[in-house]
Every structure is written in structure tokens, then in C-alpha cells.
Amino acid sequence: MNQSFDRIIRNGMVVLPDGTYKLDIGILNGQIAAISDSLADSAADHVLDAEGQYVLPGMIDIHVHFNEPNFGHWEGFATGSSALAAGGCTAYADMPLNGNPPTVTPEALELKGKLAVGSSVVDYTFWGGLVPGKLDQLEAMYANGVRGFKAFMSNPGGEGEGRFREVDDWTLYEGMKRIAALGEGGFVALHAESDAITSHLAEQAIREGRTDARAFVQSRPVIAELEAVNKAILFSEQTGCEVHFVHISSVEAVELIDRAKKRGVAVTVETCPHYLVLTEEDMVTIGPAAKCAPPLRCVDQKEGLWRMIKEGKLDVIASDHSPCPPDLKLDESLTFFEAWGGIAGAQSSLELMLDEGWVKRQIPLHELSELLSAGPAKRFGLYPQKGLIAEGADADLVLVDPNRSYTLTSEQLWQRHQVSPYIGREFTCKVTTTLVRGITVYTEEHGVQVAKQGQLLLKPIHTPQQTP
């Protein structure tokens, strides 16, 4: 007997974990119920013809800054998740900064969760924070579902007395010991730059009157990343704590992490689209819209990171979407050092990687999907519910037209502030439809749907101290 579905996607080139095939997908109760050469004889309430398009697992962006509570005027759940939906992302993990209070206590976690309910277009989870003075909060945060704890090894910047603080060596080491003892799935994520090196070089440059983009790049050299990565690997070996390195910018750091993996250290590594498509020269020509830390690197580093991808040495690609009001970024009275140091690019991540990785470098789609979807899902314990196209998985899907070239304009951006280093860039393919658990949340024709039906993906663990 032929099965009935809520929705069928027909005739698409479907990206599975082992390759791309022309298939039909049947969706029932928010999950993928069938994958077949043909579901032509099956009934469905809705049928979507994907002829000429590719069907991929939705991207899972595990590195975004939506800045709530109290900094939603920088970026909030509604606008940030809308940008993700328009870019083919179906779930995200929100960082514990730059909201105020930062997410370093169960109370702050609860407050952030209340703000996200009914506001997020796509599914979501939350990072916790590892900061000085809050080590006693780690266990309670873990019990409430937090798995990843973000820490900065250099000054993260930000505003307000309650802002997120960088860790000293003892806090990091002790925090990693405690996270390792929490139980399965706990890990620390590190912004790995040596504050001793970057602070000294920045102060020297400013003192000498060198405050342009090139001076900023020189103030955050690769050696600062390597020193911090090396220390974190040592701490991981000594404590048994799993480590995820965020926004790694250099080939040397990836190689260092890969060598640690091969000797059994539990580490994973992430890079970002901006390190794969932009260089320090773009930082000079585009200006502060392309400022980030670690900074953009030279062409050789960019090409080297693509080589690392082809060699299977990276685990995750994430946006590090870190926006702010335009006056904190683009005010001409600000030096490059004073301008906010975050790139706002969440909407463009998937299309950038398909454009650069698949179209231009001919990396197979299923290999890119491992970095954009499966790898992030595995890191947060969401796999195989999310991160792949398979029977039983959530129907988190994105349709991409490989022949829809377009030039990005500010008016096309769904984020709160229309600032992006990719404005004016020509893309060779375009997201046309995004589905979360089988629900259409974005179409090229109609834009982002009004309903904010994203679900929280935290999985609390009840301890004796909690009421079940």
C-alpha cells in the first residue's frame, strides 16, 4: 500500500552522506519518512517540485551572536534567525555574549530562553560561558542542558559592567577539569589568541600612530593563535576535557590540532566563511565591515585552509555572525582598532561555501555538507536527529538553485542591520526554499514566513538538586 505524506519533494538532486542522487523525499510529522527513486504513486497534502535544484540538509550554524537579553538592538532572535532561514540554516547555537547578562548562570540561561520562545524562525540551542568567578555555575548549567562552554583566551571586548570576561590560565584549567567531570557531551569552546601577544602589539601600534587595517592585522599574528591553541591542547590532555576551537584562521593551527587528534586528544576545529573567501587585502579595501578577530589572513592562508578541507582536517564551518549597530562599525571618526570587531554574514554562509567550494573548487556537496550540517550536529549531540538527510531525521532541508546567480544588495539582508562584507558580491547559486521539520520557513518568492516556530534543542538533565 502506498504511503501518504504531509509533503513530498520530487525530482531534486538530494545530498546524502555518501553522495548526491536524484530522489524523492516524503515528509510526515516533521520527519523524513521516505527517500526513494520515485514517490509518484504516493499521496501528499503538498508537493514541491525540485526539478533542477539541489536538496541539502539545512546548515546548522553553531556560532552566532544574537545578543539577547538587552542588546537585541545589535541583533535579536527574530531578525538573526530570519537571516539564517533566508540563507538555508535550519538550526543554530547562540553564543553567551554579547547579551547582558551573559549566559553564565542558570538564571541568565532561563532569561535568554524566555526571549527566544516565539521569536526564532528556526530551531536553536544555547552556549554557556566559562568566565572568572563563575566556576561554581558550570554544574547547574550542564544540568539545564548546556553542553558547550565558551571561553576567551584574549579580551573579547563588549560593553557594560556585566560583559563577558576572558579567562586566566587557572580559570581555564580548573574550568576544564570541572567540565570534564560533568558527564558525557560536555566541552569547552575556545577563542584561541594569546592576550599577552595581541594586547602588547595593539598598544605598540596605537602608541606609534598606526591604527589602520594593516596595523590591526599585524597586531594579531598567527603566532598568537598558535600559542593559545598549543596551551589549550596541553590543558585538554591534562584534564581530559573535550575542546572545540572556534574560528581558526591559520593552516599552522589546523595542523597543530590535527596532530593532537591523531594522538587521541578530543579536539575539534572550526573555521568561518570569511577566512575562506576574504583576505587581509579585502579588510583594507572593504574596511571595518570586514574586521574580525582573528583577522583575515593572506591569500596563502586562505588557499591553505581550502587544502585542509580537502584533506579532511576541519570539522565545522560556522559564520561567527557578530553584528552591531552601524555607528559602532562604520563611523569614520573611529580608527580601525576602535571599530567593532565582528563580521555579520550569517545569511551568506551556505551560498558562499557552495559558490567557492563546490562551483569553483569542485569539492563534492556531501563533503561540504559534512562541515556545514553533520559536523555541527555531531558537536552538539544533535546527530542523527539533525544534520543529514536520512529516514527518521528531522525534515530540515534547503533547496538551492545552481543557476540562480545574483548580486547581494543590502535590501536583501534579513538581519537587523544591513552591514555585510559581501554586499556587492556576485553569487552563482541561491537558496530558494528552507524547511524546518517539514515546515516552510523561507521561500525566495515570499521571503521569511511570519510564524516563529523554532524549537529549543537543549536537553536538560535532572539531578537530585532539581525537581523533575
Protein backbone atom coordinates (compact mmCIF):
# COMPACT_ATOMS: atom_id res chain seq x y z
CA MET A 1 0.00 0.00 0.00
CA ASN A 2 1.34 3.39 -0.96
CA GLN A 3 2.14 5.66 1.96
CA SER A 4 0.62 9.11 2.43
CA PHE A 5 2.76 12.07 3.44
CA ASP A 6 2.32 15.62 4.64
CA ARG A 7 4.69 16.78 1.93
CA ILE A 8 6.69 15.30 -0.91
CA ILE A 9 9.73 16.92 -2.50
CA ARG A 10 10.07 15.49 -6.00
CA ASN A 11 12.85 15.33 -8.59
CA GLY A 12 15.57 17.03 -6.56
CA MET A 13 19.27 16.23 -6.58
CA VAL A 14 19.42 15.07 -2.96
CA VAL A 15 22.67 15.34 -0.99
CA LEU A 16 23.09 12.23 1.17
CA PRO A 17 26.08 11.46 3.41
CA ASP A 18 27.78 9.43 0.66
CA GLY A 19 26.90 11.40 -2.47
CA THR A 20 24.24 13.22 -4.49
CA TYR A 21 21.34 11.40 -6.18
CA LYS A 22 18.10 12.29 -7.96
CA LEU A 23 15.43 11.24 -5.45
CA ASP A 24 12.05 11.99 -3.95
CA ILE A 25 11.64 12.74 -0.23
CA GLY A 26 8.48 12.04 1.73
CA ILE A 27 7.87 14.04 4.92
CA LEU A 28 5.49 13.01 7.69
CA ASN A 29 5.04 14.60 11.13
CA GLY A 30 8.10 16.78 10.71
CA GLN A 31 10.48 13.94 9.86
CA ILE A 32 11.81 12.36 6.71
CA ALA A 33 9.66 9.27 6.32
CA ALA A 34 10.85 8.02 2.92
CA ILE A 35 13.66 8.54 0.43
CA SER A 36 13.01 6.87 -2.88
CA ASP A 37 13.80 6.91 -6.58
CA SER A 38 10.15 7.78 -7.04
CA LEU A 39 7.18 8.52 -4.80
CA ALA A 40 4.98 9.26 -7.80
CA ASP A 41 2.28 6.87 -6.61
CA SER A 42 2.16 8.31 -3.08
CA ALA A 43 -0.26 10.97 -1.90
CA ALA A 44 0.67 14.17 -0.08
CA ASP A 45 -1.03 17.32 1.14
CA HIS A 46 1.70 19.39 -0.51
CA VAL A 47 4.07 18.55 -3.36
CA LEU A 48 7.18 20.59 -4.09
CA ASP A 49 8.83 20.06 -7.46
CA ALA A 50 12.59 20.47 -7.04
CA GLU A 51 13.49 19.73 -10.66
CA GLY A 52 16.83 21.38 -11.45
CA GLN A 53 17.57 22.11 -7.79
CA TYR A 54 19.73 20.54 -5.11
CA VAL A 55 18.27 19.44 -1.79
CA LEU A 56 20.74 19.65 1.10
CA PRO A 57 20.48 19.20 4.86
CA GLY A 58 19.88 22.59 6.40
CA MET A 59 23.05 24.26 7.63
CA ILE A 60 23.49 24.20 11.41
CA ASP A 61 25.32 27.36 12.44
CA ILE A 62 26.82 26.72 15.88
CA HIS A 63 28.49 30.13 16.15
CA VAL A 64 26.16 33.13 16.15
CA HIS A 65 25.83 36.15 18.45
CA PHE A 66 22.20 37.28 18.74
CA ASN A 67 22.98 39.41 21.78
CA GLU A 68 19.81 39.00 23.82
CA PRO A 69 18.96 39.96 26.51
CA ASN A 70 19.27 43.76 26.42
CA PHE A 71 21.35 44.00 23.26
CA GLY A 72 18.67 43.00 20.78
CA HIS A 73 19.25 46.36 19.11
CA TRP A 74 22.55 44.82 17.92
CA GLU A 75 20.81 41.62 16.75
CA GLY A 76 17.90 39.67 18.18
CA PHE A 77 16.39 36.22 17.79
CA ALA A 78 13.71 37.32 15.32
CA THR A 79 15.99 39.16 12.91
CA GLY A 80 19.01 36.89 13.31
CA SER A 81 17.04 33.70 12.79
CA SER A 82 15.29 35.24 9.78
CA ALA A 83 18.67 35.88 8.17
CA LEU A 84 19.67 32.29 8.87
CA ALA A 85 16.45 30.94 7.35
CA ALA A 86 16.97 33.02 4.22
CA GLY A 87 20.47 31.58 3.98
CA GLY A 88 19.45 27.92 4.29
CA CYS A 89 20.16 27.44 8.01
CA THR A 90 17.69 25.37 10.00
CA ALA A 91 19.25 25.47 13.49
CA TYR A 92 21.83 27.46 15.42
CA ALA A 93 23.69 27.70 18.71
CA ASP A 94 23.69 31.18 20.24
CA MET A 95 26.83 32.33 22.00
CA PRO A 96 26.76 33.50 25.66
CA LEU A 97 27.85 37.05 24.71
CA ASN A 98 27.23 39.89 23.94
CA GLY A 99 23.93 39.83 25.78
CA ASN A 100 23.78 41.36 29.23
CA PRO A 101 23.73 39.44 31.48
CA PRO A 102 25.91 36.94 29.63
CA THR A 103 24.78 33.32 29.74
CA VAL A 104 26.97 32.18 32.62
CA THR A 105 24.30 31.25 35.19
CA PRO A 106 21.08 29.16 35.08
CA GLU A 107 19.09 32.34 35.68
CA ALA A 108 20.65 34.05 32.64
CA LEU A 109 20.04 30.90 30.59
CA GLU A 110 16.37 30.90 31.61
CA LEU A 111 16.03 34.58 30.72
CA LYS A 112 17.54 34.03 27.28
CA GLY A 113 15.28 31.03 26.71
CA LYS A 114 12.14 33.05 27.51
CA LEU A 115 13.16 35.69 24.97
CA ALA A 116 13.72 33.11 22.25
CA VAL A 117 10.34 31.37 22.62
CA GLY A 118 8.04 32.52 19.83
CA SER A 119 10.77 34.69 18.31
CA SER A 120 13.02 32.26 16.44
CA VAL A 121 12.19 31.20 12.90
CA VAL A 122 14.44 28.12 13.08
CA ASP A 123 15.47 25.68 15.83
CA TYR A 124 18.07 26.74 18.38
CA THR A 125 20.25 25.85 21.33
CA PHE A 126 22.48 27.86 23.65
CA TRP A 127 26.11 28.01 24.65
CA GLY A 128 27.10 28.63 28.24
CA GLY A 129 30.12 30.64 29.30
CA LEU A 130 33.31 29.84 31.18
CA VAL A 131 34.45 33.05 32.89
CA PRO A 132 36.33 34.02 36.04
CA GLY A 133 34.24 33.90 39.21
CA LYS A 134 31.54 31.60 37.83
CA LEU A 135 33.12 28.14 38.05
CA ASP A 136 30.50 27.17 40.61
CA GLN A 137 27.78 27.66 37.97
CA LEU A 138 29.07 25.08 35.46
CA GLU A 139 27.36 22.05 37.00
CA ALA A 140 23.95 23.74 37.18
CA MET A 141 24.29 25.00 33.61
CA TYR A 142 25.10 21.49 32.43
CA ALA A 143 22.12 20.08 34.33
CA ASN A 144 19.93 22.54 32.44
CA GLY A 145 21.12 21.20 29.10
CA VAL A 146 24.19 23.26 28.24
CA ARG A 147 26.90 21.18 26.58
CA GLY A 148 29.31 23.75 25.16
CA PHE A 149 31.01 26.37 27.36
CA LYS A 150 32.66 29.27 25.53
CA ALA A 151 35.83 30.88 26.87
CA PHE A 152 38.07 33.64 25.54
CA MET A 153 41.84 33.43 25.90
CA SER A 154 42.07 37.12 24.90
CA ASN A 155 39.96 40.20 25.65
CA PRO A 156 36.56 39.78 23.94
CA GLY A 157 35.63 43.46 24.11
CA GLY A 158 31.99 44.40 24.56
CA GLU A 159 30.10 46.91 26.68
CA GLY A 160 28.82 47.14 30.25
CA GLU A 161 29.94 46.04 33.67
CA GLY A 162 28.30 42.64 33.19
CA ARG A 163 30.12 41.90 29.96
CA PHE A 164 31.81 38.61 29.22
CA ARG A 165 35.40 38.35 30.52
CA GLU A 166 38.40 36.44 29.26
CA VAL A 167 39.80 33.57 31.33
CA ASP A 168 43.12 33.50 33.11
CA ASP A 169 45.14 30.27 32.90
CA TRP A 170 43.95 28.95 36.28
CA THR A 171 40.27 29.57 35.48
CA LEU A 172 40.64 27.81 32.15
CA TYR A 173 42.49 24.83 33.61
CA GLU A 174 40.16 24.46 36.61
CA GLY A 175 37.09 25.01 34.43
CA MET A 176 38.20 22.33 32.00
CA LYS A 177 38.70 19.89 34.89
CA ARG A 178 35.19 20.58 36.12
CA ILE A 179 33.60 20.34 32.65
CA ALA A 180 35.38 17.03 32.02
CA ALA A 181 33.86 15.70 35.25
CA LEU A 182 30.30 16.75 34.40
CA GLY A 183 29.49 13.82 32.19
CA GLU A 184 29.05 12.85 28.57
CA GLY A 185 28.89 15.61 25.97
CA GLY A 186 30.41 18.50 27.92
CA PHE A 187 33.11 20.51 26.19
CA VAL A 188 34.79 23.90 26.15
CA ALA A 189 35.00 26.11 23.06
CA LEU A 190 37.91 28.49 22.82
CA HIS A 191 38.65 31.77 21.15
CA ALA A 192 42.34 30.95 20.89
CA GLU A 193 44.56 34.02 20.74
CA SER A 194 47.28 34.94 23.23
CA ASP A 195 46.21 38.11 25.01
CA ALA A 196 49.78 38.79 26.09
CA ILE A 197 50.87 38.98 22.45
CA THR A 198 47.85 40.74 20.93
CA SER A 199 47.50 43.34 23.69
CA HIS A 200 51.18 44.26 23.55
CA LEU A 201 51.23 44.58 19.77
CA ALA A 202 48.00 46.58 19.71
CA GLU A 203 49.23 49.00 22.35
CA GLN A 204 52.52 49.43 20.48
CA ALA A 205 50.77 50.12 17.17
CA ILE A 206 48.41 52.69 18.72
CA ARG A 207 51.28 54.37 20.55
CA GLU A 208 53.13 54.69 17.23
CA GLY A 209 50.07 56.09 15.48
CA ARG A 210 49.49 53.01 13.32
CA THR A 211 45.75 52.44 13.54
CA ASP A 212 44.76 51.28 10.06
CA ALA A 213 43.67 47.84 8.88
CA ARG A 214 47.18 46.60 8.14
CA ALA A 215 48.34 47.56 11.64
CA PHE A 216 45.39 45.68 13.10
CA VAL A 217 46.32 42.55 11.15
CA GLN A 218 49.92 42.85 12.31
CA SER A 219 48.77 43.17 15.93
CA ARG A 220 47.16 39.70 15.83
CA PRO A 221 49.74 37.46 14.15
CA VAL A 222 49.44 33.73 13.58
CA ILE A 223 51.87 33.06 16.45
CA ALA A 224 49.23 34.44 18.88
CA GLU A 225 46.78 31.82 17.63
CA LEU A 226 49.37 29.05 17.79
CA GLU A 227 50.44 29.88 21.35
CA ALA A 228 46.86 29.73 22.59
CA VAL A 229 45.99 26.57 20.65
CA ASN A 230 49.09 24.82 21.97
CA LYS A 231 48.24 25.74 25.57
CA ALA A 232 44.64 24.58 25.18
CA ILE A 233 45.72 21.24 23.73
CA LEU A 234 48.02 20.76 26.72
CA PHE A 235 45.17 21.56 29.13
CA SER A 236 42.90 19.17 27.24
CA GLU A 237 45.44 16.36 27.55
CA GLN A 238 45.92 17.04 31.24
CA THR A 239 42.23 17.39 32.16
CA GLY A 240 40.51 15.08 29.68
CA CYS A 241 38.19 17.92 28.68
CA GLU A 242 36.99 17.99 25.08
CA VAL A 243 37.87 21.21 23.23
CA HIS A 244 36.31 22.87 20.21
CA PHE A 245 38.46 25.57 18.60
CA VAL A 246 36.29 28.29 17.09
CA HIS A 247 37.09 30.49 14.05
CA ILE A 248 40.61 29.14 13.43
CA SER A 249 42.29 31.30 10.81
CA SER A 250 45.63 29.66 10.00
CA VAL A 251 46.90 26.48 8.38
CA GLU A 252 49.50 26.07 11.11
CA ALA A 253 46.83 25.98 13.82
CA VAL A 254 44.75 23.42 11.91
CA GLU A 255 47.83 21.22 11.51
CA LEU A 256 48.62 21.55 15.23
CA ILE A 257 45.08 20.50 16.11
CA ASP A 258 45.15 17.63 13.61
CA ARG A 259 48.35 16.26 15.14
CA ALA A 260 46.65 16.37 18.55
CA LYS A 261 43.66 14.44 17.17
CA LYS A 262 45.96 11.76 15.81
CA ARG A 263 47.44 11.15 19.24
CA GLY A 264 44.00 10.83 20.78
CA VAL A 265 43.22 14.30 22.12
CA ALA A 266 39.48 15.02 21.97
CA VAL A 267 39.53 18.22 19.92
CA THR A 268 37.53 19.60 17.01
CA VAL A 269 38.20 22.61 14.81
CA GLU A 270 36.01 25.21 13.15
CA THR A 271 36.74 27.87 10.57
CA CYS A 272 34.47 30.51 9.05
CA PRO A 273 33.43 31.53 5.54
CA HIS A 274 35.24 34.86 5.80
CA TYR A 275 38.61 33.11 6.21
CA LEU A 276 37.81 31.01 3.14
CA VAL A 277 36.69 33.78 0.78
CA LEU A 278 38.32 37.00 2.02
CA THR A 279 41.91 38.10 2.72
CA GLU A 280 43.63 40.88 4.61
CA GLU A 281 43.61 42.89 1.38
CA ASP A 282 39.81 42.74 1.47
CA MET A 283 39.94 44.05 5.01
CA VAL A 284 41.86 47.03 3.67
CA THR A 285 39.55 47.71 0.73
CA ILE A 286 36.18 46.87 2.34
CA GLY A 287 37.02 48.49 5.66
CA PRO A 288 35.65 47.74 9.15
CA ALA A 289 32.73 45.70 7.75
CA ALA A 290 35.41 43.04 7.19
CA LYS A 291 37.08 43.42 10.60
CA CYS A 292 37.20 40.32 12.77
CA ALA A 293 39.45 38.62 15.31
CA PRO A 294 41.49 36.67 14.50
CA PRO A 295 41.90 38.91 11.47
CA LEU A 296 41.63 37.92 7.84
CA ARG A 297 44.89 36.41 6.61
CA CYS A 298 46.92 36.39 3.40
CA VAL A 299 45.99 34.57 0.19
CA ASP A 300 48.31 31.67 1.02
CA GLN A 301 46.48 31.10 4.30
CA LYS A 302 43.09 31.22 2.59
CA GLU A 303 44.19 28.68 -0.02
CA GLY A 304 45.80 26.57 2.69
CA LEU A 305 42.53 26.34 4.60
CA TRP A 306 40.82 25.01 1.48
CA ARG A 307 43.60 22.44 1.28
CA MET A 308 42.88 21.50 4.90
CA ILE A 309 39.22 20.97 3.95
CA LYS A 310 40.15 18.72 1.06
CA GLU A 311 42.42 16.73 3.40
CA GLY A 312 39.59 16.27 5.92
CA LYS A 313 41.27 18.20 8.71
CA LEU A 314 38.39 20.53 9.58
CA ASP A 315 35.19 19.58 11.43
CA VAL A 316 32.89 22.60 11.26
CA ILE A 317 32.23 25.72 9.20
CA ALA A 318 30.25 28.37 11.11
CA SER A 319 29.51 32.03 10.47
CA ASP A 320 30.61 33.73 13.72
CA HIS A 321 27.84 36.20 12.93
CA SER A 322 28.72 39.09 15.25
CA PRO A 323 26.84 42.27 14.31
CA CYS A 324 26.50 45.66 15.95
CA PRO A 325 24.79 48.98 15.19
CA PRO A 326 26.34 50.63 12.12
CA ASP A 327 27.70 53.60 14.06
CA LEU A 328 29.95 51.26 16.08
CA LYS A 329 31.31 49.75 12.88
CA LEU A 330 31.30 52.33 10.12
CA ASP A 331 31.65 55.72 11.84
CA GLU A 332 34.53 57.41 10.03
CA SER A 333 35.76 59.00 13.27
CA LEU A 334 36.70 55.54 14.57
CA THR A 335 40.14 54.07 13.98
CA PHE A 336 40.27 50.50 12.71
CA PHE A 337 41.22 49.38 16.21
CA GLU A 338 38.17 51.16 17.70
CA ALA A 339 35.60 49.77 15.25
CA TRP A 340 33.59 46.76 16.43
CA GLY A 341 35.42 43.56 15.54
CA GLY A 342 32.77 41.22 14.22
CA ILE A 343 31.60 40.14 10.77
CA ALA A 344 27.86 39.93 10.07
CA GLY A 345 27.48 37.23 7.44
CA ALA A 346 25.08 34.55 8.68
CA GLN A 347 22.73 34.82 5.71
CA SER A 348 25.52 34.21 3.18
CA SER A 349 27.42 31.29 4.74
CA LEU A 350 25.88 28.39 2.83
CA GLU A 351 25.82 30.17 -0.52
CA LEU A 352 29.42 31.30 -0.07
CA MET A 353 30.59 27.77 0.61
CA LEU A 354 28.68 26.33 -2.34
CA ASP A 355 29.97 29.09 -4.58
CA GLU A 356 33.62 28.83 -3.51
CA GLY A 357 33.82 25.18 -2.52
CA TRP A 358 31.50 23.35 -4.90
CA VAL A 359 31.27 25.52 -8.01
CA LYS A 360 34.81 26.93 -8.11
CA ARG A 361 36.83 24.18 -6.38
CA GLN A 362 34.65 21.17 -7.23
CA ILE A 363 34.51 19.83 -3.69
CA PRO A 364 31.62 17.31 -3.59
CA LEU A 365 28.46 18.63 -1.97
CA HIS A 366 28.29 15.79 0.54
CA GLU A 367 31.77 16.70 1.80
CA LEU A 368 30.80 20.35 2.25
CA SER A 369 27.57 19.23 3.93
CA GLU A 370 29.61 17.30 6.49
CA LEU A 371 31.21 20.58 7.58
CA LEU A 372 28.08 22.74 7.38
CA SER A 373 25.48 20.33 8.79
CA ALA A 374 26.62 16.94 10.09
CA GLY A 375 29.78 18.15 11.85
CA PRO A 376 27.99 20.89 13.81
CA ALA A 377 25.16 18.48 14.70
CA LYS A 378 27.67 15.92 15.99
CA ARG A 379 29.49 18.55 18.04
CA PHE A 380 26.25 19.45 19.88
CA GLY A 381 24.88 15.94 20.21
CA LEU A 382 22.05 16.60 17.74
CA TYR A 383 23.11 13.97 15.21
CA PRO A 384 21.42 11.99 13.62
CA GLN A 385 18.18 13.80 14.53
CA LYS A 386 19.65 16.74 12.66
CA GLY A 387 22.48 17.34 10.21
CA LEU A 388 21.73 14.83 7.46
CA ILE A 389 19.08 13.63 5.05
CA ALA A 390 18.01 10.17 6.21
CA GLU A 391 14.80 8.39 7.10
CA GLY A 392 13.87 9.23 10.68
CA ALA A 393 15.81 12.52 10.74
CA ASP A 394 14.10 15.88 11.11
CA ALA A 395 13.00 17.28 7.75
CA ASP A 396 15.40 20.22 7.95
CA LEU A 397 16.04 20.86 4.27
CA VAL A 398 17.24 23.60 1.95
CA LEU A 399 16.67 23.83 -1.79
CA VAL A 400 19.35 25.54 -3.84
CA ASP A 401 19.10 26.60 -7.48
CA PRO A 402 22.59 26.24 -9.02
CA ASN A 403 21.65 28.53 -11.91
CA ARG A 404 20.30 31.47 -9.92
CA SER A 405 23.23 33.85 -9.98
CA TYR A 406 22.62 37.18 -8.28
CA THR A 407 24.43 40.13 -6.71
CA LEU A 408 23.80 40.67 -2.99
CA THR A 409 22.34 44.03 -2.05
CA SER A 410 21.72 45.45 1.41
CA GLU A 411 17.95 45.34 0.79
CA GLN A 412 18.10 41.54 0.55
CA LEU A 413 19.50 41.11 4.07
CA TRP A 414 17.11 40.00 6.82
CA GLN A 415 19.45 40.77 9.74
CA ARG A 416 18.75 43.82 11.92
CA HIS A 417 21.49 45.99 10.41
CA GLN A 418 22.26 45.81 6.70
CA VAL A 419 26.04 45.71 7.08
CA SER A 420 27.97 42.87 5.42
CA PRO A 421 31.34 42.47 3.73
CA TYR A 422 29.54 40.51 1.00
CA ILE A 423 27.30 43.32 -0.27
CA GLY A 424 28.05 43.72 -3.98
CA ARG A 425 29.37 40.19 -4.29
CA GLU A 426 28.04 38.02 -7.12
CA PHE A 427 26.83 34.57 -6.09
CA THR A 428 26.48 31.74 -8.57
CA CYS A 429 23.65 29.90 -6.78
CA LYS A 430 20.78 30.81 -4.48
CA VAL A 431 18.74 29.34 -1.65
CA THR A 432 15.13 29.14 -2.89
CA THR A 433 13.37 27.28 -0.03
CA THR A 434 14.14 26.41 3.58
CA LEU A 435 12.15 23.88 5.62
CA VAL A 436 12.42 23.25 9.37
CA ARG A 437 10.88 19.97 10.48
CA GLY A 438 8.92 19.96 7.23
CA ILE A 439 7.55 23.48 7.71
CA THR A 440 8.42 26.05 5.06
CA VAL A 441 10.09 29.00 6.80
CA TYR A 442 11.53 30.77 3.74
CA THR A 443 10.95 30.92 0.01
CA GLU A 444 12.66 33.16 -2.48
CA GLU A 445 9.26 34.30 -3.71
CA HIS A 446 7.63 35.13 -0.37
CA GLY A 447 10.60 35.68 1.93
CA VAL A 448 10.71 34.60 5.58
CA GLN A 449 7.41 33.27 6.88
CA VAL A 450 5.75 35.21 9.71
CA ALA A 451 5.34 32.25 12.09
CA LYS A 452 8.22 31.98 14.57
CA GLN A 453 8.05 28.25 15.27
CA GLY A 454 11.68 27.42 16.13
CA GLN A 455 12.12 24.88 18.93
CA LEU A 456 14.67 24.76 21.74
CA LEU A 457 17.13 21.88 21.37
CA LEU A 458 18.57 21.91 24.90
CA LYS A 459 18.18 18.56 26.67
CA PRO A 460 18.15 19.19 30.44
CA ILE A 461 19.49 16.50 32.80
CA HIS A 462 17.63 16.24 36.07
CA THR A 463 19.92 15.99 39.08
CA PRO A 464 18.99 15.31 42.73
CA GLN A 465 19.15 19.06 43.35
CA GLN A 466 16.45 19.69 40.74
CA THR A 467 12.74 18.98 40.72
CA PRO A 468 11.97 16.55 37.89
